[in-house]
Amino acid sequence: VAKDLGLQLPELLDRGVRVVMESTRQQFALHEKTGHLVTVERIDREQLCEGVEQCVLRCELIVEGEM
């Protein structure tokens, strides 16, 4: 994420960058030392998208301040 935004890791942390999801369970997070988008825990497709052919997890990346 840091690389995609063109930011260095300290800038990423200073801007309060965070991942926000529609669901109450947070499935993704930013790794503090690398700036990579990572899964918080194992994702169980059958549990999350039971009976749905196409499983999509939507999330937003919030960056404080101007880019």
N, C-alpha and C. Protein backbone atom coordinates (compact mmCIF):
# COMPACT_ATOMS: atom_id res chain seq x y z
N VAL A 1 0.83 -1.19 0.00
CA VAL A 1 0.00 0.00 0.00
C VAL A 1 0.87 1.25 0.00
N ALA A 2 1.91 1.25 0.82
CA ALA A 2 2.81 2.41 0.87
C ALA A 2 3.39 2.68 -0.52
N LYS A 3 3.83 1.64 -1.19
CA LYS A 3 4.42 1.79 -2.53
C LYS A 3 3.37 2.29 -3.52
N ASP A 4 2.17 1.73 -3.48
CA ASP A 4 1.11 2.14 -4.39
C ASP A 4 0.72 3.60 -4.20
N LEU A 5 0.78 4.09 -2.97
CA LEU A 5 0.43 5.49 -2.69
C LEU A 5 1.61 6.44 -2.90
N GLY A 6 2.78 5.87 -3.11
CA GLY A 6 3.97 6.70 -3.28
C GLY A 6 4.43 7.33 -1.98
N LEU A 7 4.21 6.63 -0.87
CA LEU A 7 4.59 7.13 0.45
C LEU A 7 5.65 6.22 1.06
N GLN A 8 6.49 6.80 1.89
CA GLN A 8 7.42 6.01 2.68
C GLN A 8 6.66 5.52 3.92
N LEU A 9 7.12 4.45 4.54
CA LEU A 9 6.44 3.86 5.68
C LEU A 9 6.17 4.87 6.79
N PRO A 10 7.13 5.72 7.20
CA PRO A 10 6.83 6.68 8.26
C PRO A 10 5.69 7.63 7.88
N GLU A 11 5.60 8.03 6.62
CA GLU A 11 4.51 8.90 6.15
C GLU A 11 3.17 8.19 6.25
N LEU A 12 3.18 6.91 5.93
CA LEU A 12 1.97 6.10 5.98
C LEU A 12 1.41 6.10 7.41
N LEU A 13 2.29 5.90 8.37
CA LEU A 13 1.87 5.86 9.77
C LEU A 13 1.46 7.24 10.26
N ASP A 14 2.19 8.28 9.86
CA ASP A 14 1.88 9.65 10.28
C ASP A 14 0.53 10.13 9.77
N ARG A 15 0.12 9.66 8.61
CA ARG A 15 -1.15 10.08 8.01
C ARG A 15 -2.34 9.30 8.55
N GLY A 16 -2.11 8.37 9.46
CA GLY A 16 -3.21 7.61 10.04
C GLY A 16 -3.93 6.74 9.03
N VAL A 17 -3.19 6.18 8.08
CA VAL A 17 -3.80 5.32 7.06
C VAL A 17 -4.39 4.09 7.74
N ARG A 18 -5.63 3.77 7.35
CA ARG A 18 -6.29 2.60 7.94
C ARG A 18 -7.23 1.95 6.93
N VAL A 19 -7.54 0.71 7.16
CA VAL A 19 -8.43 -0.06 6.31
C VAL A 19 -9.80 -0.12 6.99
N VAL A 20 -10.86 0.19 6.24
CA VAL A 20 -12.21 0.17 6.77
C VAL A 20 -13.04 -0.79 5.92
N MET A 21 -13.83 -1.62 6.60
CA MET A 21 -14.65 -2.60 5.89
C MET A 21 -16.12 -2.37 6.20
N GLU A 22 -16.98 -2.83 5.29
CA GLU A 22 -18.42 -2.72 5.49
C GLU A 22 -18.90 -3.60 6.64
N SER A 23 -18.30 -4.75 6.80
CA SER A 23 -18.73 -5.69 7.83
C SER A 23 -18.18 -5.28 9.20
N THR A 24 -18.73 -5.85 10.24
CA THR A 24 -18.26 -5.55 11.60
C THR A 24 -16.92 -6.21 11.89
N ARG A 25 -16.62 -7.30 11.19
CA ARG A 25 -15.33 -7.98 11.38
C ARG A 25 -14.30 -7.39 10.44
N GLN A 26 -13.19 -7.02 10.99
CA GLN A 26 -12.10 -6.45 10.21
C GLN A 26 -11.28 -7.61 9.63
N GLN A 27 -11.33 -7.79 8.31
CA GLN A 27 -10.63 -8.90 7.66
C GLN A 27 -9.22 -8.54 7.24
N PHE A 28 -8.96 -7.24 7.00
CA PHE A 28 -7.66 -6.79 6.51
C PHE A 28 -7.10 -5.69 7.39
N ALA A 29 -5.78 -5.55 7.35
CA ALA A 29 -5.10 -4.50 8.10
C ALA A 29 -3.81 -4.15 7.38
N LEU A 30 -3.20 -3.06 7.78
CA LEU A 30 -1.89 -2.68 7.24
C LEU A 30 -0.81 -3.17 8.19
N HIS A 31 0.17 -3.85 7.64
CA HIS A 31 1.31 -4.32 8.45
C HIS A 31 2.15 -3.10 8.81
N GLU A 32 2.36 -2.87 10.10
CA GLU A 32 3.03 -1.65 10.58
C GLU A 32 4.48 -1.52 10.13
N LYS A 33 5.16 -2.65 9.94
CA LYS A 33 6.59 -2.59 9.61
C LYS A 33 6.87 -2.59 8.11
N THR A 34 5.89 -3.07 7.30
CA THR A 34 6.13 -3.17 5.86
C THR A 34 5.21 -2.30 5.02
N GLY A 35 4.04 -1.92 5.56
CA GLY A 35 3.06 -1.18 4.79
C GLY A 35 2.26 -2.05 3.85
N HIS A 36 2.36 -3.37 4.00
CA HIS A 36 1.61 -4.31 3.16
C HIS A 36 0.19 -4.49 3.68
N LEU A 37 -0.73 -4.76 2.78
CA LEU A 37 -2.09 -5.12 3.15
C LEU A 37 -2.08 -6.60 3.49
N VAL A 38 -2.52 -6.96 4.70
CA VAL A 38 -2.49 -8.35 5.16
C VAL A 38 -3.85 -8.76 5.70
N THR A 39 -4.09 -10.06 5.75
CA THR A 39 -5.32 -10.56 6.37
C THR A 39 -5.10 -10.61 7.88
N VAL A 40 -6.14 -10.26 8.62
CA VAL A 40 -6.07 -10.26 10.08
C VAL A 40 -6.14 -11.68 10.61
N GLU A 41 -6.95 -12.50 9.96
CA GLU A 41 -7.11 -13.90 10.34
C GLU A 41 -7.44 -14.70 9.10
N ARG A 42 -7.49 -15.99 9.22
CA ARG A 42 -7.84 -16.85 8.09
C ARG A 42 -9.25 -16.51 7.63
N ILE A 43 -9.43 -16.36 6.32
CA ILE A 43 -10.73 -16.02 5.76
C ILE A 43 -11.43 -17.30 5.32
N ASP A 44 -12.60 -17.55 5.88
CA ASP A 44 -13.39 -18.73 5.57
C ASP A 44 -14.50 -18.35 4.59
N ARG A 45 -14.27 -18.66 3.31
CA ARG A 45 -15.22 -18.27 2.27
C ARG A 45 -16.61 -18.85 2.51
N GLU A 46 -16.69 -20.10 2.93
CA GLU A 46 -17.99 -20.74 3.15
C GLU A 46 -18.78 -20.03 4.25
N GLN A 47 -18.09 -19.55 5.25
CA GLN A 47 -18.76 -18.84 6.34
C GLN A 47 -19.19 -17.43 5.91
N LEU A 48 -18.32 -16.73 5.20
CA LEU A 48 -18.60 -15.36 4.80
C LEU A 48 -19.62 -15.25 3.67
N CYS A 49 -19.55 -16.15 2.72
CA CYS A 49 -20.36 -16.03 1.50
C CYS A 49 -21.16 -17.29 1.24
N GLU A 50 -21.77 -17.83 2.25
CA GLU A 50 -22.52 -19.07 2.11
C GLU A 50 -23.65 -18.90 1.08
N GLY A 51 -23.67 -19.78 0.11
CA GLY A 51 -24.71 -19.77 -0.91
C GLY A 51 -24.54 -18.73 -1.99
N VAL A 52 -23.43 -18.02 -2.00
CA VAL A 52 -23.19 -16.99 -3.01
C VAL A 52 -22.08 -17.47 -3.93
N GLU A 53 -22.32 -17.42 -5.23
CA GLU A 53 -21.33 -17.91 -6.19
C GLU A 53 -20.08 -17.04 -6.21
N GLN A 54 -20.25 -15.73 -6.22
CA GLN A 54 -19.11 -14.81 -6.29
C GLN A 54 -18.95 -14.13 -4.93
N CYS A 55 -17.85 -14.39 -4.26
CA CYS A 55 -17.60 -13.85 -2.93
C CYS A 55 -16.69 -12.62 -3.06
N VAL A 56 -17.18 -11.46 -2.62
CA VAL A 56 -16.42 -10.22 -2.71
C VAL A 56 -16.37 -9.56 -1.34
N LEU A 57 -15.17 -9.23 -0.89
CA LEU A 57 -15.01 -8.49 0.36
C LEU A 57 -14.59 -7.07 0.00
N ARG A 58 -15.40 -6.11 0.34
CA ARG A 58 -15.10 -4.72 0.00
C ARG A 58 -14.47 -4.02 1.20
N CYS A 59 -13.45 -3.24 0.88
CA CYS A 59 -12.81 -2.45 1.93
C CYS A 59 -12.35 -1.13 1.33
N GLU A 60 -12.16 -0.15 2.19
CA GLU A 60 -11.68 1.16 1.78
C GLU A 60 -10.41 1.47 2.54
N LEU A 61 -9.55 2.23 1.90
CA LEU A 61 -8.33 2.68 2.54
C LEU A 61 -8.50 4.17 2.82
N ILE A 62 -8.44 4.55 4.08
CA ILE A 62 -8.62 5.94 4.49
C ILE A 62 -7.24 6.55 4.74
N VAL A 63 -6.98 7.68 4.09
CA VAL A 63 -5.72 8.41 4.28
C VAL A 63 -6.07 9.81 4.75
N GLU A 64 -5.58 10.20 5.90
CA GLU A 64 -5.85 11.53 6.43
C GLU A 64 -4.92 12.54 5.80
N GLY A 65 -5.40 13.73 5.56
CA GLY A 65 -4.57 14.78 4.96
C GLY A 65 -4.59 14.71 3.45
N GLU A 66 -4.02 15.74 2.83
CA GLU A 66 -3.99 15.81 1.37
C GLU A 66 -2.93 14.89 0.79
N MET A 67 -3.21 14.41 -0.42
CA MET A 67 -2.25 13.56 -1.13
C MET A 67 -1.62 14.36 -2.24
